[in-house]
Amino acid sequence: MSKTIKAEIKCDKCAKWTDGNKMFCNHCGGILEEERVKAAAAREKDKFTLILIDIHPDDPFLIKIGKRIIQVAQIIYMTFLSFMLWLISMVAG
């Protein structure tokens, strides 16, 4: 029941004051705080993703096992690299 209360904000498109809790302007339908929305989308795009070998549902059983072993090896390798980078940064001070 603790809803965030936000004051009215001015729409960039029509320059009228509208409810700050909404995503769109009540008067013109323009996106409120468009720069914040674009910045959030850019941050989402720049997120780090670990690329692992793909396991497809139609792969044979032994291929799936082999690919799973490769995925585990990839994760262990990335963990080791991350630890080494952390250790080097801690030693360097």
Foldseek 3Di string as FASTA:
>chain_A
DDDDADAWDAAPPPRDTAGPVDQARPPPRHGRPVVVVVVVVVVVVPDDDDDADDDDPPDDPVVNVVSVVRRVVSVVVVVVVVVVVVVVVVVVD
